[in-house]
Amino acid sequence: MEKFPDIIVLAGGFGTRLQTLVTDVPKPMAPVAGNPFLEWLIRYLSQFNPNKIILCTGYKHEVVESYFGSKFMNIPIVYSVETTPLGTGGAIKKALDLVETEQCLVLNGDSFFKINLLNFLNFHITNDALYSMALKPVANPLRYGTVEMDGNRVVMFNEKKKDIKLGLINTGVYLMKKSIYGNFPQNETFSIETDFMETCANNFEIYGFICDDYFIDIGIPEDYLKANHEFATLFNS
């Protein structure tokens, strides 16, 4: 099987909203159905044969490093450690120094989208896209901002609104060329969502890949508990 490009996983979250249920570990290491959430995520990624996984860590990074080491499920693991929080954009920018492939996948270490990454990669390459994002249609997407499309391009980002009955949400799964680095803000610390995508969308084309597969974000207790019920079945199906 051909190697999938390098994968960057943002795994430095504090898990502030989960403090009532999970303490003393980074949010992606919260136990879900018997394993750290991040382990489930890497198990899923392993089926696509990634060249390597770059874990962006910060808070209690040693917990992540001692668990996964330099190889996990035969996938080389390297670490991009933040000594101070850099935001999602700053973390990606720092991690791109470790990317060896022309393209790279970026995703959050506290959410899971059961997307066929090979189909997403094919979409990205076929469109010769600099930057592509995976989108999911969601009913009453109050927790999320939504995006608007023109064909297969993202043309607008909307704030969270109560009156949207169905919207396309950003799942936090992106494909980008390594050369995107030159388009990033010069700041070390910035948000990939608000300081880059929403402000730079008119500077180059952002492509949107729509997929209606299973998605969950464990950032709130309700969905963390839901993941604990669903993951054992989900990963055995």
C-alpha atoms as a PDB file:
ATOM      1  CA  MET A   1       0.000   0.000   0.000  1.00  0.00           C
ATOM      2  CA  GLU A   2       1.309   3.421  -0.957  1.00  0.00           C
ATOM      3  CA  LYS A   3       2.217   5.711   1.925  1.00  0.00           C
ATOM      4  CA  PHE A   4      -0.282   8.368   2.950  1.00  0.00           C
ATOM      5  CA  PRO A   5       1.280  11.833   3.517  1.00  0.00           C
ATOM      6  CA  ASP A   6       2.493  13.000   6.922  1.00  0.00           C
ATOM      7  CA  ILE A   7      -0.265  13.660   9.460  1.00  0.00           C
ATOM      8  CA  ILE A   8      -0.239  16.458  12.043  1.00  0.00           C
ATOM      9  CA  VAL A   9      -2.441  15.868  15.100  1.00  0.00           C
ATOM     10  CA  LEU A  10      -3.156  18.779  17.448  1.00  0.00           C
ATOM     11  CA  ALA A  11      -2.852  17.123  20.857  1.00  0.00           C
ATOM     12  CA  GLY A  12      -2.002  19.937  23.251  1.00  0.00           C
ATOM     13  CA  GLY A  13      -5.453  20.729  24.648  1.00  0.00           C
ATOM     14  CA  PHE A  14      -6.111  21.334  28.353  1.00  0.00           C
ATOM     15  CA  GLY A  15      -9.624  19.917  28.358  1.00  0.00           C
ATOM     16  CA  THR A  16     -11.020  22.714  30.526  1.00  0.00           C
ATOM     17  CA  ARG A  17     -14.662  21.758  29.887  1.00  0.00           C
ATOM     18  CA  LEU A  18     -13.958  18.122  30.797  1.00  0.00           C
ATOM     19  CA  GLN A  19     -12.465  18.862  34.213  1.00  0.00           C
ATOM     20  CA  THR A  20     -15.506  17.405  35.969  1.00  0.00           C
ATOM     21  CA  LEU A  21     -14.858  14.025  34.305  1.00  0.00           C
ATOM     22  CA  VAL A  22     -11.164  13.930  33.359  1.00  0.00           C
ATOM     23  CA  THR A  23      -8.224  15.366  35.275  1.00  0.00           C
ATOM     24  CA  ASP A  24      -4.442  15.390  35.066  1.00  0.00           C
ATOM     25  CA  VAL A  25      -4.069  14.381  31.408  1.00  0.00           C
ATOM     26  CA  PRO A  26      -4.143  16.324  28.130  1.00  0.00           C
ATOM     27  CA  LYS A  27      -7.629  16.213  26.609  1.00  0.00           C
ATOM     28  CA  PRO A  28      -6.669  13.795  23.771  1.00  0.00           C
ATOM     29  CA  MET A  29      -5.454  11.323  26.413  1.00  0.00           C
ATOM     30  CA  ALA A  30      -8.851  11.208  28.138  1.00  0.00           C
ATOM     31  CA  PRO A  31      -9.886   7.545  28.501  1.00  0.00           C
ATOM     32  CA  VAL A  32     -12.636   6.491  26.105  1.00  0.00           C
ATOM     33  CA  ALA A  33     -13.978   2.930  26.037  1.00  0.00           C
ATOM     34  CA  GLY A  34     -10.820   1.569  27.628  1.00  0.00           C
ATOM     35  CA  ASN A  35      -8.170   3.474  25.644  1.00  0.00           C
ATOM     36  CA  PRO A  36      -6.956   7.062  25.423  1.00  0.00           C
ATOM     37  CA  PHE A  37      -9.006   8.921  22.810  1.00  0.00           C
ATOM     38  CA  LEU A  38      -5.804   9.633  20.880  1.00  0.00           C
ATOM     39  CA  GLU A  39      -5.092   5.907  20.613  1.00  0.00           C
ATOM     40  CA  TRP A  40      -8.455   5.321  18.923  1.00  0.00           C
ATOM     41  CA  LEU A  41      -7.638   8.127  16.526  1.00  0.00           C
ATOM     42  CA  ILE A  42      -4.217   6.708  15.645  1.00  0.00           C
ATOM     43  CA  ARG A  43      -5.688   3.225  15.224  1.00  0.00           C
ATOM     44  CA  TYR A  44      -8.067   4.671  12.661  1.00  0.00           C
ATOM     45  CA  LEU A  45      -5.278   6.568  10.890  1.00  0.00           C
ATOM     46  CA  SER A  46      -3.124   3.429  10.746  1.00  0.00           C
ATOM     47  CA  GLN A  47      -5.337   1.827   8.103  1.00  0.00           C
ATOM     48  CA  PHE A  48      -4.278   4.540   5.645  1.00  0.00           C
ATOM     49  CA  ASN A  49      -0.547   3.777   6.130  1.00  0.00           C
ATOM     50  CA  PRO A  50       0.726   7.276   6.958  1.00  0.00           C
ATOM     51  CA  ASN A  51       4.356   8.154   6.338  1.00  0.00           C
ATOM     52  CA  LYS A  52       4.513   9.429   9.932  1.00  0.00           C
ATOM     53  CA  ILE A  53       2.405  11.171  12.558  1.00  0.00           C
ATOM     54  CA  ILE A  54       3.479  14.457  14.130  1.00  0.00           C
ATOM     55  CA  LEU A  55       1.858  15.011  17.520  1.00  0.00           C
ATOM     56  CA  CYS A  56       1.618  18.681  18.523  1.00  0.00           C
ATOM     57  CA  THR A  57       1.816  18.605  22.293  1.00  0.00           C
ATOM     58  CA  GLY A  58       2.008  21.129  25.097  1.00  0.00           C
ATOM     59  CA  TYR A  59       0.240  20.580  28.407  1.00  0.00           C
ATOM     60  CA  LYS A  60       1.709  17.453  30.070  1.00  0.00           C
ATOM     61  CA  HIS A  61       3.427  16.471  26.809  1.00  0.00           C
ATOM     62  CA  GLU A  62       5.426  13.821  28.637  1.00  0.00           C
ATOM     63  CA  VAL A  63       2.211  11.821  29.205  1.00  0.00           C
ATOM     64  CA  VAL A  64       1.690  11.574  25.436  1.00  0.00           C
ATOM     65  CA  GLU A  65       5.358  10.839  24.714  1.00  0.00           C
ATOM     66  CA  SER A  66       5.643   8.060  27.283  1.00  0.00           C
ATOM     67  CA  TYR A  67       2.499   6.361  25.949  1.00  0.00           C
ATOM     68  CA  PHE A  68       3.188   6.453  22.200  1.00  0.00           C
ATOM     69  CA  GLY A  69       6.996   6.627  22.090  1.00  0.00           C
ATOM     70  CA  SER A  70       8.730   6.965  18.714  1.00  0.00           C
ATOM     71  CA  LYS A  71       6.595   4.330  16.970  1.00  0.00           C
ATOM     72  CA  PHE A  72       3.030   3.162  17.504  1.00  0.00           C
ATOM     73  CA  MET A  73       1.262   0.494  15.440  1.00  0.00           C
ATOM     74  CA  ASN A  74       4.312   0.567  13.150  1.00  0.00           C
ATOM     75  CA  ILE A  75       3.811   4.273  12.438  1.00  0.00           C
ATOM     76  CA  PRO A  76       6.780   6.573  13.179  1.00  0.00           C
ATOM     77  CA  ILE A  77       5.747   9.179  15.765  1.00  0.00           C
ATOM     78  CA  VAL A  78       7.512  12.524  16.206  1.00  0.00           C
ATOM     79  CA  TYR A  79       6.653  15.416  18.513  1.00  0.00           C
ATOM     80  CA  SER A  80       6.293  19.147  18.063  1.00  0.00           C
ATOM     81  CA  VAL A  81       6.249  20.461  21.631  1.00  0.00           C
ATOM     82  CA  GLU A  82       4.897  23.911  22.492  1.00  0.00           C
ATOM     83  CA  THR A  83       6.586  25.487  25.501  1.00  0.00           C
ATOM     84  CA  THR A  84       3.873  28.156  25.447  1.00  0.00           C
ATOM     85  CA  PRO A  85       0.447  27.792  23.784  1.00  0.00           C
ATOM     86  CA  LEU A  86       0.626  28.790  20.104  1.00  0.00           C
ATOM     87  CA  GLY A  87      -3.013  28.417  19.108  1.00  0.00           C
ATOM     88  CA  THR A  88      -4.158  25.989  16.438  1.00  0.00           C
ATOM     89  CA  GLY A  89      -2.472  27.918  13.631  1.00  0.00           C
ATOM     90  CA  GLY A  90       0.794  28.439  15.466  1.00  0.00           C
ATOM     91  CA  ALA A  91       0.941  24.748  16.352  1.00  0.00           C
ATOM     92  CA  ILE A  92       0.431  23.736  12.712  1.00  0.00           C
ATOM     93  CA  LYS A  93       3.004  26.251  11.490  1.00  0.00           C
ATOM     94  CA  LYS A  94       5.591  24.920  13.949  1.00  0.00           C
ATOM     95  CA  ALA A  95       4.825  21.291  13.050  1.00  0.00           C
ATOM     96  CA  LEU A  96       5.202  21.943   9.301  1.00  0.00           C
ATOM     97  CA  ASP A  97       8.969  22.127   9.902  1.00  0.00           C
ATOM     98  CA  LEU A  98       8.802  18.366  10.557  1.00  0.00           C
ATOM     99  CA  VAL A  99       6.699  17.522   7.469  1.00  0.00           C
ATOM    100  CA  GLU A 100       8.629  15.656   4.762  1.00  0.00           C
ATOM    101  CA  THR A 101       5.834  15.072   2.234  1.00  0.00           C
ATOM    102  CA  GLU A 102       4.447  17.553  -0.308  1.00  0.00           C
ATOM    103  CA  GLN A 103       0.967  17.282   1.215  1.00  0.00           C
ATOM    104  CA  CYS A 104      -0.005  16.839   4.843  1.00  0.00           C
ATOM    105  CA  LEU A 105      -3.185  16.070   6.738  1.00  0.00           C
ATOM    106  CA  VAL A 106      -4.045  18.060   9.863  1.00  0.00           C
ATOM    107  CA  LEU A 107      -6.650  17.077  12.436  1.00  0.00           C
ATOM    108  CA  ASN A 108      -7.651  17.682  16.027  1.00  0.00           C
ATOM    109  CA  GLY A 109      -6.670  15.188  18.691  1.00  0.00           C
ATOM    110  CA  ASP A 110      -9.992  15.587  20.524  1.00  0.00           C
ATOM    111  CA  SER A 111     -12.433  14.906  17.682  1.00  0.00           C
ATOM    112  CA  PHE A 112     -13.015  12.020  15.314  1.00  0.00           C
ATOM    113  CA  PHE A 113     -14.429  12.034  11.785  1.00  0.00           C
ATOM    114  CA  LYS A 114     -14.800   8.610  10.200  1.00  0.00           C
ATOM    115  CA  ILE A 115     -13.924   9.941   6.774  1.00  0.00           C
ATOM    116  CA  ASN A 116     -12.265   7.977   3.973  1.00  0.00           C
ATOM    117  CA  LEU A 117      -8.995   9.871   3.893  1.00  0.00           C
ATOM    118  CA  LEU A 118      -7.981   8.399   0.525  1.00  0.00           C
ATOM    119  CA  ASN A 119     -11.097   9.903  -1.075  1.00  0.00           C
ATOM    120  CA  PHE A 120     -10.342  13.226   0.616  1.00  0.00           C
ATOM    121  CA  LEU A 121      -6.733  13.142  -0.619  1.00  0.00           C
ATOM    122  CA  ASN A 122      -7.852  12.307  -4.153  1.00  0.00           C
ATOM    123  CA  PHE A 123     -10.278  15.278  -4.082  1.00  0.00           C
ATOM    124  CA  HIS A 124      -7.510  17.564  -2.821  1.00  0.00           C
ATOM    125  CA  ILE A 125      -4.965  16.480  -5.435  1.00  0.00           C
ATOM    126  CA  THR A 126      -7.467  16.412  -8.321  1.00  0.00           C
ATOM    127  CA  ASN A 127      -8.334  20.049  -7.608  1.00  0.00           C
ATOM    128  CA  ASP A 128      -4.629  20.929  -7.231  1.00  0.00           C
ATOM    129  CA  ALA A 129      -5.732  22.559  -3.985  1.00  0.00           C
ATOM    130  CA  LEU A 130      -3.391  24.432  -1.695  1.00  0.00           C
ATOM    131  CA  TYR A 131      -5.828  23.944   1.190  1.00  0.00           C
ATOM    132  CA  SER A 132      -8.888  21.696   1.575  1.00  0.00           C
ATOM    133  CA  MET A 133     -11.191  21.190   4.523  1.00  0.00           C
ATOM    134  CA  ALA A 134     -13.520  18.294   5.363  1.00  0.00           C
ATOM    135  CA  LEU A 135     -17.094  19.372   5.982  1.00  0.00           C
ATOM    136  CA  LYS A 136     -20.101  17.596   7.464  1.00  0.00           C
ATOM    137  CA  PRO A 137     -23.782  18.489   7.077  1.00  0.00           C
ATOM    138  CA  VAL A 138     -25.326  18.875  10.543  1.00  0.00           C
ATOM    139  CA  ALA A 139     -28.897  19.637  11.586  1.00  0.00           C
ATOM    140  CA  ASN A 140     -29.235  22.598  13.988  1.00  0.00           C
ATOM    141  CA  PRO A 141     -25.466  23.227  14.115  1.00  0.00           C
ATOM    142  CA  LEU A 142     -25.706  25.629  17.069  1.00  0.00           C
ATOM    143  CA  ARG A 143     -22.358  24.562  18.592  1.00  0.00           C
ATOM    144  CA  TYR A 144     -20.487  25.173  15.375  1.00  0.00           C
ATOM    145  CA  GLY A 145     -19.865  27.865  12.854  1.00  0.00           C
ATOM    146  CA  THR A 146     -20.922  26.918   9.327  1.00  0.00           C
ATOM    147  CA  VAL A 147     -19.487  27.508   5.882  1.00  0.00           C
ATOM    148  CA  GLU A 148     -21.040  28.384   2.554  1.00  0.00           C
ATOM    149  CA  MET A 149     -19.961  26.830  -0.727  1.00  0.00           C
ATOM    150  CA  ASP A 150     -19.850  27.843  -4.370  1.00  0.00           C
ATOM    151  CA  GLY A 151     -19.367  24.576  -6.228  1.00  0.00           C
ATOM    152  CA  ASN A 152     -16.601  22.809  -4.316  1.00  0.00           C
ATOM    153  CA  ARG A 153     -15.053  25.993  -2.971  1.00  0.00           C
ATOM    154  CA  VAL A 154     -15.610  27.525   0.458  1.00  0.00           C
ATOM    155  CA  VAL A 155     -16.625  31.165  -0.004  1.00  0.00           C
ATOM    156  CA  MET A 156     -17.879  32.245   3.411  1.00  0.00           C
ATOM    157  CA  PHE A 157     -17.554  31.400   7.099  1.00  0.00           C
ATOM    158  CA  ASN A 158     -20.572  32.055   9.310  1.00  0.00           C
ATOM    159  CA  GLU A 159     -20.606  32.625  13.050  1.00  0.00           C
ATOM    160  CA  LYS A 160     -22.709  30.345  15.249  1.00  0.00           C
ATOM    161  CA  LYS A 161     -26.369  31.135  14.568  1.00  0.00           C
ATOM    162  CA  LYS A 162     -29.527  29.831  16.219  1.00  0.00           C
ATOM    163  CA  ASP A 163     -31.701  30.004  13.117  1.00  0.00           C
ATOM    164  CA  ILE A 164     -29.754  27.592  10.859  1.00  0.00           C
ATOM    165  CA  LYS A 165     -31.651  24.308  10.437  1.00  0.00           C
ATOM    166  CA  LEU A 166     -28.970  22.539   8.404  1.00  0.00           C
ATOM    167  CA  GLY A 167     -25.422  23.640   7.820  1.00  0.00           C
ATOM    168  CA  LEU A 168     -21.989  22.461   6.741  1.00  0.00           C
ATOM    169  CA  ILE A 169     -19.610  22.469   9.697  1.00  0.00           C
ATOM    170  CA  ASN A 170     -15.839  22.521   9.749  1.00  0.00           C
ATOM    171  CA  THR A 171     -14.744  19.173  11.228  1.00  0.00           C
ATOM    172  CA  GLY A 172     -11.172  20.337  11.862  1.00  0.00           C
ATOM    173  CA  VAL A 173      -9.759  17.929   9.273  1.00  0.00           C
ATOM    174  CA  TYR A 174      -7.594  19.650   6.655  1.00  0.00           C
ATOM    175  CA  LEU A 175      -5.328  18.730   3.776  1.00  0.00           C
ATOM    176  CA  MET A 176      -2.702  21.266   2.779  1.00  0.00           C
ATOM    177  CA  LYS A 177       0.419  21.562   0.732  1.00  0.00           C
ATOM    178  CA  LYS A 178       3.492  22.081   2.866  1.00  0.00           C
ATOM    179  CA  SER A 179       4.057  25.285   0.879  1.00  0.00           C
ATOM    180  CA  ILE A 180       0.990  26.772   2.635  1.00  0.00           C
ATOM    181  CA  TYR A 181       3.557  27.906   5.217  1.00  0.00           C
ATOM    182  CA  GLY A 182       4.218  31.015   3.118  1.00  0.00           C
ATOM    183  CA  ASN A 183       0.553  32.030   3.350  1.00  0.00           C
ATOM    184  CA  PHE A 184       0.376  31.835   7.142  1.00  0.00           C
ATOM    185  CA  PRO A 185       0.450  34.972   9.325  1.00  0.00           C
ATOM    186  CA  GLN A 186       3.927  35.971  10.462  1.00  0.00           C
ATOM    187  CA  ASN A 187       2.883  35.738  14.119  1.00  0.00           C
ATOM    188  CA  GLU A 188       4.005  32.657  16.015  1.00  0.00           C
ATOM    189  CA  THR A 189       0.649  32.449  17.812  1.00  0.00           C
ATOM    190  CA  PHE A 190      -2.603  32.454  15.857  1.00  0.00           C
ATOM    191  CA  SER A 191      -5.849  30.553  15.258  1.00  0.00           C
ATOM    192  CA  ILE A 192      -6.074  28.521  12.049  1.00  0.00           C
ATOM    193  CA  GLU A 193      -9.806  29.220  11.953  1.00  0.00           C
ATOM    194  CA  THR A 194     -10.233  32.923  12.738  1.00  0.00           C
ATOM    195  CA  ASP A 195      -6.778  34.352  11.954  1.00  0.00           C
ATOM    196  CA  PHE A 196      -6.139  32.364   8.799  1.00  0.00           C
ATOM    197  CA  MET A 197      -9.082  30.696   7.055  1.00  0.00           C
ATOM    198  CA  GLU A 198     -11.672  33.379   7.744  1.00  0.00           C
ATOM    199  CA  THR A 199      -9.339  36.264   6.906  1.00  0.00           C
ATOM    200  CA  CYS A 200      -7.429  34.697   4.009  1.00  0.00           C
ATOM    201  CA  ALA A 201     -10.266  32.944   2.180  1.00  0.00           C
ATOM    202  CA  ASN A 202     -10.235  35.652  -0.500  1.00  0.00           C
ATOM    203  CA  ASN A 203      -6.487  35.348  -1.094  1.00  0.00           C
ATOM    204  CA  PHE A 204      -6.571  31.787  -2.425  1.00  0.00           C
ATOM    205  CA  GLU A 205      -9.094  29.030  -3.016  1.00  0.00           C
ATOM    206  CA  ILE A 206     -10.149  26.860  -0.074  1.00  0.00           C
ATOM    207  CA  TYR A 207     -11.818  23.657  -1.212  1.00  0.00           C
ATOM    208  CA  GLY A 208     -14.522  21.870   0.774  1.00  0.00           C
ATOM    209  CA  PHE A 209     -14.943  18.087   0.770  1.00  0.00           C
ATOM    210  CA  ILE A 210     -18.423  17.158   2.040  1.00  0.00           C
ATOM    211  CA  CYS A 211     -18.846  13.871   3.867  1.00  0.00           C
ATOM    212  CA  ASP A 212     -21.726  12.673   6.059  1.00  0.00           C
ATOM    213  CA  ASP A 213     -19.883  10.023   8.080  1.00  0.00           C
ATOM    214  CA  TYR A 214     -19.738   9.683  11.885  1.00  0.00           C
ATOM    215  CA  PHE A 215     -18.315  12.733  13.697  1.00  0.00           C
ATOM    216  CA  ILE A 216     -17.824  13.461  17.380  1.00  0.00           C
ATOM    217  CA  ASP A 217     -15.964  16.105  19.374  1.00  0.00           C
ATOM    218  CA  ILE A 218     -15.240  15.102  22.984  1.00  0.00           C
ATOM    219  CA  GLY A 219     -14.755  18.706  24.106  1.00  0.00           C
ATOM    220  CA  ILE A 220     -17.955  18.751  26.176  1.00  0.00           C
ATOM    221  CA  PRO A 221     -18.956  16.201  28.840  1.00  0.00           C
ATOM    222  CA  GLU A 222     -22.116  15.127  26.987  1.00  0.00           C
ATOM    223  CA  ASP A 223     -20.195  14.044  23.880  1.00  0.00           C
ATOM    224  CA  TYR A 224     -17.324  12.608  25.899  1.00  0.00           C
ATOM    225  CA  LEU A 225     -19.789  10.264  27.608  1.00  0.00           C
ATOM    226  CA  LYS A 226     -21.416   9.512  24.245  1.00  0.00           C
ATOM    227  CA  ALA A 227     -18.024   8.499  22.794  1.00  0.00           C
ATOM    228  CA  ASN A 228     -17.506   6.110  25.704  1.00  0.00           C
ATOM    229  CA  HIS A 229     -20.735   4.333  24.760  1.00  0.00           C
ATOM    230  CA  GLU A 230     -20.157   4.305  21.012  1.00  0.00           C
ATOM    231  CA  PHE A 231     -16.460   3.717  20.367  1.00  0.00           C
ATOM    232  CA  ALA A 232     -16.167   0.020  21.142  1.00  0.00           C
ATOM    233  CA  THR A 233     -18.919  -0.705  18.619  1.00  0.00           C
ATOM    234  CA  LEU A 234     -17.726   1.882  16.127  1.00  0.00           C
ATOM    235  CA  PHE A 235     -14.204   0.521  15.870  1.00  0.00           C
ATOM    236  CA  ASN A 236     -15.293  -3.086  15.674  1.00  0.00           C
ATOM    237  CA  SER A 237     -17.748  -2.457  12.831  1.00  0.00           C
END
